[in-house]
Each structure stands twice: as C-alpha cells, then as structure tokens.
Protein backbone atom coordinates (compact mmCIF):
# COMPACT_ATOMS: atom_id res chain seq x y z
CA UNK A 1 -32.13 8.86 -26.55
CA UNK A 2 -32.32 11.75 -29.04
CA UNK A 3 -31.79 15.37 -28.04
CA UNK A 4 -34.78 17.69 -27.58
CA UNK A 5 -35.75 20.14 -30.33
CA UNK A 6 -33.91 23.35 -29.48
CA UNK A 7 -36.17 25.49 -31.68
CA UNK A 8 -39.27 24.52 -29.73
CA UNK A 9 -37.88 25.32 -26.27
CA UNK A 10 -36.62 28.29 -24.30
CA UNK A 11 -33.03 28.15 -23.12
CA UNK A 12 -34.11 27.12 -19.59
CA UNK A 13 -36.41 24.41 -20.93
CA UNK A 14 -33.69 23.14 -23.25
CA UNK A 15 -30.94 22.75 -20.63
CA UNK A 16 -33.28 20.96 -18.26
CA UNK A 17 -34.24 18.60 -21.05
CA UNK A 18 -30.54 17.97 -21.72
CA UNK A 19 -29.94 17.03 -18.07
CA UNK A 20 -32.87 14.62 -18.25
CA UNK A 21 -31.52 13.00 -21.42
CA UNK A 22 -27.94 12.76 -20.10
CA UNK A 23 -24.95 11.29 -21.90
CA UNK A 24 -22.01 12.67 -23.83
CA UNK A 25 -24.11 14.15 -26.63
CA UNK A 26 -26.34 16.05 -24.18
CA UNK A 27 -23.22 17.34 -22.39
CA UNK A 28 -21.73 18.54 -25.67
CA UNK A 29 -24.94 20.41 -26.52
CA UNK A 30 -25.05 21.93 -23.02
CA UNK A 31 -21.42 23.10 -23.24
CA UNK A 32 -22.09 24.60 -26.67
CA UNK A 33 -25.09 26.45 -25.30
CA UNK A 34 -23.09 27.89 -22.37
CA UNK A 35 -20.77 29.55 -24.87
CA UNK A 36 -23.49 31.16 -26.99
CA UNK A 37 -23.02 34.84 -27.71
CA UNK A 38 -26.44 35.59 -26.24
CA UNK A 39 -25.13 34.46 -22.86
CA UNK A 40 -22.03 36.66 -22.74
CA UNK A 41 -23.43 38.56 -19.77
CA UNK A 42 -23.64 35.35 -17.71
CA UNK A 43 -20.87 34.05 -15.49
CA UNK A 44 -19.27 31.15 -17.35
CA UNK A 45 -16.27 30.25 -15.18
CA UNK A 46 -16.91 27.29 -12.92
CA UNK A 47 -15.03 27.60 -9.61
CA UNK A 48 -12.37 24.97 -8.93
CA UNK A 49 -12.28 22.78 -5.86
CA UNK A 50 -9.49 21.99 -3.42
CA UNK A 51 -6.39 19.81 -3.14
CA UNK A 52 -6.82 19.74 0.64
CA UNK A 53 -9.28 16.98 1.63
CA UNK A 54 -8.96 18.01 5.28
CA UNK A 55 -10.65 21.32 4.41
CA UNK A 56 -13.88 19.51 3.51
CA UNK A 57 -16.50 18.41 6.06
CA UNK A 58 -16.55 14.81 7.23
CA UNK A 59 -20.31 14.78 6.67
CA UNK A 60 -21.08 14.09 3.04
CA UNK A 61 -24.50 15.64 3.58
CA UNK A 62 -23.18 18.93 5.00
CA UNK A 63 -24.45 21.09 2.13
CA UNK A 64 -26.26 23.95 3.87
CA UNK A 65 -23.24 26.19 4.47
CA UNK A 66 -22.30 25.80 0.80
CA UNK A 67 -25.72 26.87 -0.48
CA UNK A 68 -27.10 30.44 -0.67
CA UNK A 69 -30.17 31.65 1.22
CA UNK A 70 -33.24 33.31 -0.20
CA UNK A 71 -34.62 36.62 1.04
CA UNK A 72 -36.23 34.88 4.03
CA UNK A 73 -33.06 33.03 5.14
CA UNK A 74 -34.28 29.69 3.82
CA UNK A 75 -31.55 27.56 2.25
CA UNK A 76 -31.95 27.71 -1.53
CA UNK A 77 -31.35 24.29 -3.07
CA UNK A 78 -29.28 23.76 -6.19
CA UNK A 79 -31.31 23.97 -9.41
CA UNK A 80 -30.23 20.77 -11.20
CA UNK A 81 -30.18 17.25 -9.75
CA UNK A 82 -29.19 13.82 -11.05
CA UNK A 83 -29.54 10.53 -9.19
CA UNK A 84 -27.24 7.88 -10.68
CA UNK A 85 -28.05 4.25 -9.79
CA UNK A 86 -24.97 2.04 -9.39
CA UNK A 87 -24.37 -1.72 -9.19
CA UNK A 88 -21.05 -3.30 -8.25
CA UNK A 89 -19.20 -4.96 -11.10
CA UNK A 90 -19.08 -8.74 -10.85
CA UNK A 91 -16.20 -10.21 -8.89
CA UNK A 92 -15.47 -7.26 -6.60
CA UNK A 93 -17.10 -8.59 -3.46
CA UNK A 94 -16.92 -11.63 -1.25
CA UNK A 95 -18.30 -12.59 2.13
CA UNK A 96 -15.65 -10.64 3.98
CA UNK A 97 -15.67 -7.36 2.05
CA UNK A 98 -14.55 -5.86 -1.24
CA UNK A 99 -11.31 -5.61 -3.17
CA UNK A 100 -9.17 -2.89 -1.48
CA UNK A 101 -8.12 -1.67 -4.93
CA UNK A 102 -11.77 -1.03 -5.76
CA UNK A 103 -12.14 1.14 -2.66
CA UNK A 104 -9.10 3.15 -3.71
CA UNK A 105 -10.53 3.58 -7.20
CA UNK A 106 -13.83 4.96 -5.88
CA UNK A 107 -12.07 7.34 -3.52
CA UNK A 108 -9.70 8.58 -6.25
CA UNK A 109 -12.65 9.23 -8.56
CA UNK A 110 -14.54 11.22 -5.93
CA UNK A 111 -11.44 13.16 -4.93
CA UNK A 112 -11.03 14.14 -8.58
CA UNK A 113 -14.48 15.73 -8.45
CA UNK A 114 -13.55 17.62 -5.29
CA UNK A 115 -10.46 19.01 -6.97
CA UNK A 116 -12.36 19.95 -10.10
CA UNK A 117 -15.38 21.68 -8.57
CA UNK A 118 -15.91 23.98 -5.64
CA UNK A 119 -18.24 22.48 -3.04
CA UNK A 120 -21.11 24.87 -3.74
CA UNK A 121 -24.15 25.45 -5.92
CA UNK A 122 -21.86 27.21 -8.44
CA UNK A 123 -19.64 24.13 -8.46
CA UNK A 124 -20.83 20.67 -7.44
CA UNK A 125 -22.42 19.06 -4.40
CA UNK A 126 -22.66 15.29 -4.20
CA UNK A 127 -23.26 12.33 -1.91
CA UNK A 128 -22.81 8.58 -2.36
CA UNK A 129 -25.20 6.35 -0.43
CA UNK A 130 -25.58 2.57 -0.13
CA UNK A 131 -28.66 0.35 -0.09
CA UNK A 132 -29.46 -2.57 2.24
CA UNK A 133 -28.75 -4.77 -0.80
CA UNK A 134 -25.12 -3.59 -0.82
CA UNK A 135 -24.59 -4.55 2.83
CA UNK A 136 -26.46 -7.84 2.36
CA UNK A 137 -23.57 -9.03 0.18
CA UNK A 138 -21.37 -9.43 3.25
CA UNK A 139 -21.46 -11.83 6.17
CA UNK A 140 -21.59 -9.10 8.80
CA UNK A 141 -24.62 -6.82 9.25
CA UNK A 142 -24.35 -3.05 9.75
CA UNK A 143 -23.97 -2.06 13.41
CA UNK A 144 -27.02 -1.48 15.58
CA UNK A 145 -26.30 2.25 15.53
CA UNK A 146 -27.44 2.29 11.86
CA UNK A 147 -31.15 1.97 11.09
CA UNK A 148 -31.25 0.78 7.47
CA UNK A 149 -34.22 -1.52 6.84
CA UNK A 150 -35.39 -2.73 3.47
CA UNK A 151 -37.88 -0.26 1.92
CA UNK A 152 -41.54 -1.19 2.12
CA UNK A 153 -44.99 0.11 1.15
CA UNK A 154 -46.11 2.78 3.60
CA UNK A 155 -49.73 3.23 2.64
CA UNK A 156 -52.57 0.82 1.95
CA UNK A 157 -52.74 0.11 -1.77
CA UNK A 158 -49.23 1.46 -2.42
CA UNK A 159 -47.13 -0.87 -4.61
CA UNK A 160 -43.79 0.83 -5.30
CA UNK A 161 -40.80 -0.88 -6.86
CA UNK A 162 -37.80 -0.86 -4.52
CA UNK A 163 -34.23 0.20 -5.21
CA UNK A 164 -32.23 -3.03 -5.06
CA UNK A 165 -29.04 -1.88 -6.78
CA UNK A 166 -25.99 -1.13 -4.61
CA UNK A 167 -25.54 2.62 -4.42
CA UNK A 168 -26.94 5.99 -5.44
CA UNK A 169 -24.85 9.00 -6.45
CA UNK A 170 -26.63 12.34 -5.99
CA UNK A 171 -25.17 15.19 -8.08
CA UNK A 172 -26.44 18.77 -7.64
CA UNK A 173 -25.48 22.14 -9.09
CA UNK A 174 -26.94 25.37 -10.43
CA UNK A 175 -24.96 24.65 -13.60
CA UNK A 176 -26.49 21.97 -15.85
CA UNK A 177 -23.17 21.36 -17.62
CA UNK A 178 -21.56 20.53 -14.26
CA UNK A 179 -23.87 17.65 -13.32
CA UNK A 180 -23.62 16.25 -16.86
CA UNK A 181 -19.84 16.64 -17.06
CA UNK A 182 -19.26 15.11 -13.63
CA UNK A 183 -21.44 12.10 -14.48
CA UNK A 184 -19.84 11.54 -17.87
CA UNK A 185 -16.34 11.95 -16.46
CA UNK A 186 -16.96 9.33 -13.80
CA UNK A 187 -18.07 6.88 -16.46
CA UNK A 188 -15.32 7.25 -18.99
CA UNK A 189 -16.67 9.72 -21.54
CA UNK A 190 -14.25 12.52 -20.57
CA UNK A 191 -10.61 12.55 -19.51
CA UNK A 192 -10.98 15.85 -17.66
CA UNK A 193 -13.72 17.66 -15.73
CA UNK A 194 -13.53 21.43 -15.38
CA UNK A 195 -9.96 21.17 -16.67
CA UNK A 196 -8.86 18.64 -14.02
CA UNK A 197 -7.71 15.18 -15.06
CA UNK A 198 -9.63 12.34 -13.50
CA UNK A 199 -7.41 9.98 -11.52
CA UNK A 200 -9.93 7.15 -11.70
CA UNK A 201 -13.39 6.29 -13.00
CA UNK A 202 -16.35 4.83 -11.14
CA UNK A 203 -16.99 2.65 -14.19
CA UNK A 204 -14.03 0.50 -13.12
CA UNK A 205 -16.04 -0.49 -10.05
CA UNK A 206 -19.71 0.22 -10.77
CA UNK A 207 -22.08 -0.39 -13.63
CA UNK A 208 -24.38 2.57 -14.23
CA UNK A 209 -28.06 1.56 -14.27
CA UNK A 210 -29.42 3.96 -16.89
CA UNK A 211 -32.96 2.59 -16.52
CA UNK A 212 -33.07 3.94 -12.97
CA UNK A 213 -31.31 7.26 -13.60
CA UNK A 214 -33.43 10.09 -12.20
CA UNK A 215 -33.27 13.84 -12.78
CA UNK A 216 -35.00 16.99 -11.68
CA UNK A 217 -34.98 20.67 -10.89
CA UNK A 218 -35.93 23.27 -8.26
CA UNK A 219 -36.35 27.01 -8.70
CA UNK A 220 -38.79 29.88 -9.08
CA UNK A 221 -40.58 29.60 -12.41
CA UNK A 222 -39.01 26.30 -13.44
CA UNK A 223 -42.17 24.12 -13.09
CA UNK A 224 -44.12 26.56 -15.30
CA UNK A 225 -41.48 26.09 -18.00
CA UNK A 226 -42.76 22.53 -18.46
CA UNK A 227 -46.31 23.36 -19.53
CA UNK A 228 -45.54 21.57 -22.80
CA UNK A 229 -45.14 18.24 -20.94
CA UNK A 230 -48.25 16.02 -20.78
CA UNK A 231 -49.93 16.41 -17.40
CA UNK A 232 -48.51 19.89 -16.64
CA UNK A 233 -51.33 22.45 -16.95
CA UNK A 234 -50.71 26.05 -17.95
CA UNK A 235 -52.26 27.08 -14.63
CA UNK A 236 -49.03 26.26 -12.71
CA UNK A 237 -48.11 29.68 -11.22
CA UNK A 238 -45.31 31.45 -13.08
CA UNK A 239 -43.25 32.04 -9.91
CA UNK A 240 -43.81 28.67 -8.21
CA UNK A 241 -40.62 26.71 -7.41
CA UNK A 242 -42.48 23.39 -7.10
CA UNK A 243 -45.10 21.77 -9.31
CA UNK A 244 -47.87 21.97 -6.72
CA UNK A 245 -47.61 25.74 -6.81
CA UNK A 246 -46.06 26.69 -3.47
CA UNK A 247 -42.69 27.20 -1.84
CA UNK A 248 -41.19 24.48 0.33
CA UNK A 249 -38.09 23.96 2.44
CA UNK A 250 -38.93 26.62 5.04
CA UNK A 251 -36.06 26.95 7.50
CA UNK A 252 -38.24 26.44 10.58
CA UNK A 253 -39.82 23.35 9.00
CA UNK A 254 -36.56 21.61 8.16
CA UNK A 255 -34.43 19.48 10.46
CA UNK A 256 -30.92 20.76 10.96
CA UNK A 257 -27.98 18.80 9.59
CA UNK A 258 -27.05 18.06 13.21
CA UNK A 259 -30.51 16.58 13.82
CA UNK A 260 -30.23 14.12 10.92
CA UNK A 261 -26.62 13.07 11.60
CA UNK A 262 -25.82 9.68 13.11
CA UNK A 263 -24.29 10.50 16.48
CA UNK A 264 -22.42 7.37 17.51
CA UNK A 265 -20.93 4.12 16.26
CA UNK A 266 -18.56 3.51 13.37
CA UNK A 267 -20.78 5.47 10.94
CA UNK A 268 -21.00 8.59 13.13
CA UNK A 269 -21.21 11.75 10.98
CA UNK A 270 -23.16 9.85 8.35
CA UNK A 271 -26.92 9.92 7.83
CA UNK A 272 -29.69 7.87 6.26
CA UNK A 273 -31.38 8.86 3.02
CA UNK A 274 -34.79 7.94 1.65
CA UNK A 275 -35.95 8.56 -1.92
CA UNK A 276 -39.58 8.17 -2.96
CA UNK A 277 -40.23 8.81 -6.65
CA UNK A 278 -43.82 9.77 -7.36
CA UNK A 279 -46.13 11.07 -10.05
CA UNK A 280 -48.38 14.06 -9.33
CA UNK A 281 -51.87 14.50 -10.79
CA UNK A 282 -51.41 18.21 -11.48
CA UNK A 283 -54.35 18.51 -13.83
CA UNK A 284 -56.77 17.51 -11.09
CA UNK A 285 -54.87 19.59 -8.50
CA UNK A 286 -55.12 22.80 -10.52
CA UNK A 287 -58.18 22.32 -12.69
CA UNK A 288 -60.56 20.90 -10.06
CA UNK A 289 -59.37 22.79 -6.99
CA UNK A 290 -59.28 26.54 -6.43
CA UNK A 291 -56.53 28.39 -4.58
CA UNK A 292 -58.41 28.29 -1.26
CA UNK A 293 -58.82 24.51 -1.50
CA UNK A 294 -55.18 23.98 -2.49
CA UNK A 295 -53.97 25.99 0.50
CA UNK A 296 -56.32 24.08 2.81
CA UNK A 297 -55.07 20.71 1.58
CA UNK A 298 -51.37 21.56 1.42
CA UNK A 299 -51.04 23.62 4.62
CA UNK A 300 -54.23 23.72 6.74
CA UNK A 301 -57.79 25.06 6.46
CA UNK A 302 -56.84 27.80 8.93
CA UNK A 303 -54.07 28.96 6.56
CA UNK A 304 -56.69 29.33 3.83
CA UNK A 305 -59.22 31.13 6.02
CA UNK A 306 -56.58 33.57 7.27
CA UNK A 307 -55.14 34.13 3.76
CA UNK A 308 -51.76 33.44 5.35
CA UNK A 309 -49.92 31.93 2.39
CA UNK A 310 -50.05 34.26 -0.61
CA UNK A 311 -50.00 33.21 -4.25
CA UNK A 312 -47.02 30.81 -3.99
CA UNK A 313 -46.17 30.90 -0.28
CA UNK A 314 -44.36 34.23 -0.28
CA UNK A 315 -46.27 35.40 2.81
CA UNK A 316 -44.85 32.60 4.97
CA UNK A 317 -41.23 33.79 5.23
CA UNK A 318 -39.06 31.12 6.87
CA UNK A 319 -41.85 29.06 8.41
CA UNK A 320 -44.79 27.10 7.01
CA UNK A 321 -46.99 28.70 9.67
CA UNK A 322 -47.83 25.49 11.52
CA UNK A 323 -48.33 26.79 15.04
CA UNK A 324 -48.95 24.45 17.96
CA UNK A 325 -52.62 25.42 17.77
CA UNK A 326 -52.93 24.59 14.08
CA UNK A 327 -51.20 21.24 14.60
CA UNK A 328 -53.40 20.41 17.60
CA UNK A 329 -56.49 21.20 15.52
CA UNK A 330 -55.76 18.48 12.96
CA UNK A 331 -58.37 16.01 14.21
CA UNK A 332 -61.06 18.64 14.75
CA UNK A 333 -60.39 20.19 11.33
CA UNK A 334 -60.86 16.79 9.72
CA UNK A 335 -64.05 16.11 11.68
CA UNK A 336 -65.65 19.56 11.66
CA UNK A 337 -64.29 21.28 8.54
CA UNK A 338 -64.05 18.20 6.36
CA UNK A 339 -60.49 18.88 5.23
CA UNK A 340 -57.00 18.65 6.71
CA UNK A 341 -53.65 19.90 5.47
CA UNK A 342 -50.69 17.79 4.38
CA UNK A 343 -48.16 19.90 6.32
CA UNK A 344 -50.52 20.03 9.29
CA UNK A 345 -50.63 16.24 9.48
CA UNK A 346 -46.90 15.74 8.97
CA UNK A 347 -46.08 18.27 11.70
CA UNK A 348 -47.61 15.93 14.28
CA UNK A 349 -44.44 13.81 13.95
CA UNK A 350 -42.22 16.56 15.32
CA UNK A 351 -40.21 15.79 18.44
CA UNK A 352 -40.07 18.53 21.06
CA UNK A 353 -41.32 20.88 18.38
CA UNK A 354 -38.47 20.01 15.98
CA UNK A 355 -38.99 18.40 12.56
CA UNK A 356 -37.02 15.14 12.11
CA UNK A 357 -36.50 15.29 8.32
CA UNK A 358 -34.21 17.40 6.16
CA UNK A 359 -35.88 17.53 2.74
CA UNK A 360 -33.84 17.86 -0.43
CA UNK A 361 -36.54 16.84 -2.90
CA UNK A 362 -36.97 18.17 -6.42
CA UNK A 363 -39.45 18.30 -9.31
CA UNK A 364 -39.11 15.95 -12.25
CA UNK A 365 -40.54 15.27 -15.69
CA UNK A 366 -38.86 11.87 -15.98
CA UNK A 367 -40.97 9.71 -18.26
CA UNK A 368 -42.57 12.89 -19.65
CA UNK A 369 -44.89 13.15 -16.65
CA UNK A 370 -44.83 15.65 -13.77
CA UNK A 371 -43.56 14.22 -10.53
CA UNK A 372 -41.39 14.60 -7.47
CA UNK A 373 -38.33 12.78 -6.25
CA UNK A 374 -38.91 13.13 -2.51
CA UNK A 375 -35.42 12.88 -1.04
CA UNK A 376 -35.11 13.19 2.71
CA UNK A 377 -32.27 12.83 5.20
CA UNK A 378 -32.89 11.61 8.74
CA UNK A 379 -30.90 10.02 11.55
CA UNK A 380 -32.95 6.83 11.23
CA UNK A 381 -35.22 5.55 8.48
CA UNK A 382 -37.74 5.05 11.30
CA UNK A 383 -38.01 8.87 11.48
CA UNK A 384 -39.17 8.99 7.87
CA UNK A 385 -41.62 6.13 8.41
CA UNK A 386 -43.09 7.95 11.41
CA UNK A 387 -43.56 11.17 9.41
CA UNK A 388 -45.09 9.25 6.53
CA UNK A 389 -47.55 7.52 8.86
CA UNK A 390 -48.55 10.89 10.29
CA UNK A 391 -49.00 12.22 6.76
CA UNK A 392 -51.24 9.24 5.86
CA UNK A 393 -53.68 10.30 8.57
CA UNK A 394 -55.52 6.99 8.41
CA UNK A 395 -57.11 7.63 11.80
CA UNK A 396 -58.64 10.96 10.75
CA UNK A 397 -62.38 11.24 10.09
CA UNK A 398 -62.10 12.80 6.63
CA UNK A 399 -62.70 11.77 3.02
CA UNK A 400 -59.62 10.62 1.11
CA UNK A 401 -60.00 13.47 -1.40
CA UNK A 402 -59.70 16.00 1.45
CA UNK A 403 -57.00 14.18 3.42
CA UNK A 404 -54.12 16.51 2.56
CA UNK A 405 -52.58 15.79 -0.84
CA UNK A 406 -52.69 11.98 -0.76
CA UNK A 407 -55.31 11.99 -3.50
CA UNK A 408 -52.86 13.54 -5.97
CA UNK A 409 -49.61 11.63 -5.33
CA UNK A 410 -48.68 8.15 -6.56
CA UNK A 411 -45.42 6.60 -5.32
CA UNK A 412 -43.92 4.22 -7.88
CA UNK A 413 -40.39 3.74 -6.51
CA UNK A 414 -38.69 3.91 -3.09
CA UNK A 415 -35.20 3.32 -1.74
CA UNK A 416 -33.39 3.49 1.62
CA UNK A 417 -29.71 4.37 1.87
CA UNK A 418 -26.87 4.83 4.32
CA UNK A 419 -24.81 7.91 3.43
CA UNK A 420 -21.53 7.27 5.29
CA UNK A 421 -19.12 9.94 6.44
CA UNK A 422 -16.60 11.02 3.78
CA UNK A 423 -13.88 8.81 5.25
CA UNK A 424 -16.06 5.71 4.62
CA UNK A 425 -17.84 6.72 1.42
CA UNK A 426 -15.81 4.42 -0.87
CA UNK A 427 -17.38 0.94 -0.59
CA UNK A 428 -17.81 0.99 3.18
CA UNK A 429 -17.35 -2.22 5.16
CA UNK A 430 -20.24 -3.35 7.28
CA UNK A 431 -17.98 -3.17 10.33
CA UNK A 432 -15.54 -0.26 9.89
CA UNK A 433 -13.89 -1.19 13.20
CA UNK A 434 -13.12 -4.69 11.93
CA UNK A 435 -11.25 -6.04 8.93
CA UNK A 436 -14.03 -6.25 6.32
C-alpha cells in the first residue's frame, strides 16, 4: 500500500494514516517525521522498559495504572492502536499441544518488547489473546472456568464475519512510531526496537494476516481530523474524542480490572476479550439529527431535556449520568417519549449497580470509512452478550430509528478471545495443569 500524501494532511492526520498503512516504509516515514525540526519542542525520547519480569503485573490487561487520567479522573486511553491478526505456522501443533520451542520463541519476543518499552502510554501497552479456533486444535477443551464460545450474530439481521485465525495482538501507545516499530520488529523488519535487540521474532511462530489488520485512534479532536475521509462530515465537533461526537469511558461506567478478571482455575488473572468491528453512518447521525436528538439517543431523553451533557460530554465528569431513575425509566421513555438512549438501555445489564464491561474501543477509518473497533474486556463472554442484548432493546415499544444508536451502526466482524495471564501468554495449553 502506498504512503499518504504528506502535503495534503496535517501532521496529526499524516501519522494516523501511517499507522493505518503499516509496514516498514510507513515506520520509516513516521520516524523521519518525529525528528523534524518543527517538532523540536516535543519529547522525543521513548522510555525504556525493564529487565525484571517480576516487576510487571501477572494480568496482561492491567493497563489502568499505567495510563494517565483526564481532568475528571477518567482513565485516558492511549491514542494509537493496532490489532494484529495471527495464525500459527504449519507444523507447530498437534493433538497434545504445541512445540515447546515455539512457546519459548513467543515469550522471548514479548519479553524483548517489555525490555524495549516502558509499560505506559509513552512506551507500549500490549496484550496477546487467543480465539476458540486456537484451542480447537487440541484434544482437550479449555477448563469450565473459562467462558470462550464461538462468536455469533447478536442481533436480527446481523451477518458479521468471525475471527477464525489463532490469536490477536493488541498494541497501544501515544507514540505512532512505537506501535509501528514494535509490529515491524516482531515480524523481522528490524533487528532492534527502541535500541534493544530482539531475542526472537513472532514470525518464526505466527503468520501475520495483513487482510485482518485493524487500526484506530482515540483523543480529543482526532475524529474531526478525518473530515477528508468519505463518510466523515465536517460537522463532527472539533473537541470530540469519538466519531459520534461525545466522550466515553467514564470511570463510573466502566468495570474495574478486578471485575473483568477470571478469578479461579488455571487461567486465573486472565480475562476474556471481545472485538466487534463496525461501520458508523455518521452523515445520517450528524446531518439528520440535531444535538438534542443525538443526546437523547446516545444517553437518554432525560439527559437531553436537562441539558446535562454539554457539547461533547464535558458536563458529565466521571459518570455518564445514568441514575437508577433514568435506567428504570427506559421502558416508559420508549413508550411515552418515543425514544430511548443507547447508554440507558445498556445500563440495565449492570449487576448490583456495577457495569460488567471494561471498554477499550477506538475509532477507525480502516477501509476509508468511519467506524469503531468495539473492544471490551469481561470475566465471561456471556457478560458481553448480556449487555449487547440489553442494548438491542428488542422488547421496547419504540421505532428502530429511535432505539438508541442501533440505526447508525453496522457490525461486519466479531471475535472472542481468551487473554491469559502473562505466565501463560505464549501459546497457552488448554489444560495448564496438565502436560499439553
């Protein structure tokens, strides 16, 4: 794929386009850009990682303490994200497990990243998760303590393609050159990353599925930078961190990392991950709906009537404002006000007032169309299914066009994953307590 036209893009637009393109040439252009004279006032040194594996958390998904907070104490996600689809090379597996040397290779490669980059948004955050298809290669099934079903359609008329490769590597950083360099280093295009020599390469074990590589971004003003992409209207608010125009990831609306962690069994300290890749009809969302209607459909009609949200959600602080009363009013709002909010519906799936999902989703312009890679962590995939069913609101007496934001989202791909603890992240056996 050719590089984007630098002259036609701002610096921010250009680096995000480079991450989307990927590859050694895009990395070279990104590294050249980071050294431009115009950027001399920016911090260029990338913090190094650690030679002490014991200093790192056992939970691969334990990112929150390594990420900064915004002014309302919400965790601020990393700006750049890459999802790398992986398939095992032929000949590495059999009915009883995988080649022990392959496990060592994967672990050595990942440890190289941890030495090269600090575990933070200024360095690199990553997880490696495995699909049901990976575990189906072996005679044994995952233990009952792991809920990892095959993905399936979750709404009438939905026909997504399912992730049937073996694993998914999620790379995240505020530095675009970091996610590109880490990816290219793991697949043989660089001998060093951040000045650290790689001890092994994932390409010795996995084939990279470039057709299913996914990228994206999160951050104030970043969606508006893509007004030149087909389907992204100029009416996207300048300060919005997400394409639909409002903040997300409110602290009180996110599950804690403890809540999404598997508590028992051989994969304790792991989690499950779900990724739904979808296109968003932004032109209809912004050009046919006014701000009041968008607030009603995304949050609740009461949010809109009370003017509780602000232009991009800045009035909400660390909560999405879904009180018990607003949640309980979902059915009556649908019946009497003719509209119901997306967040309002989803909140009905809370348990004892606590949300079950930890969202780490991000915007995308993959395929030159606006979309969202909805990535969530949960203790069981069943938790995600339950939230999605609540969000569907099929039992509500309301027109589809006013049933939250369903009318504007189109899921085209979905995958379920087990994200093991760090000690089992390298080609995990189905029965870690056995010999596989």
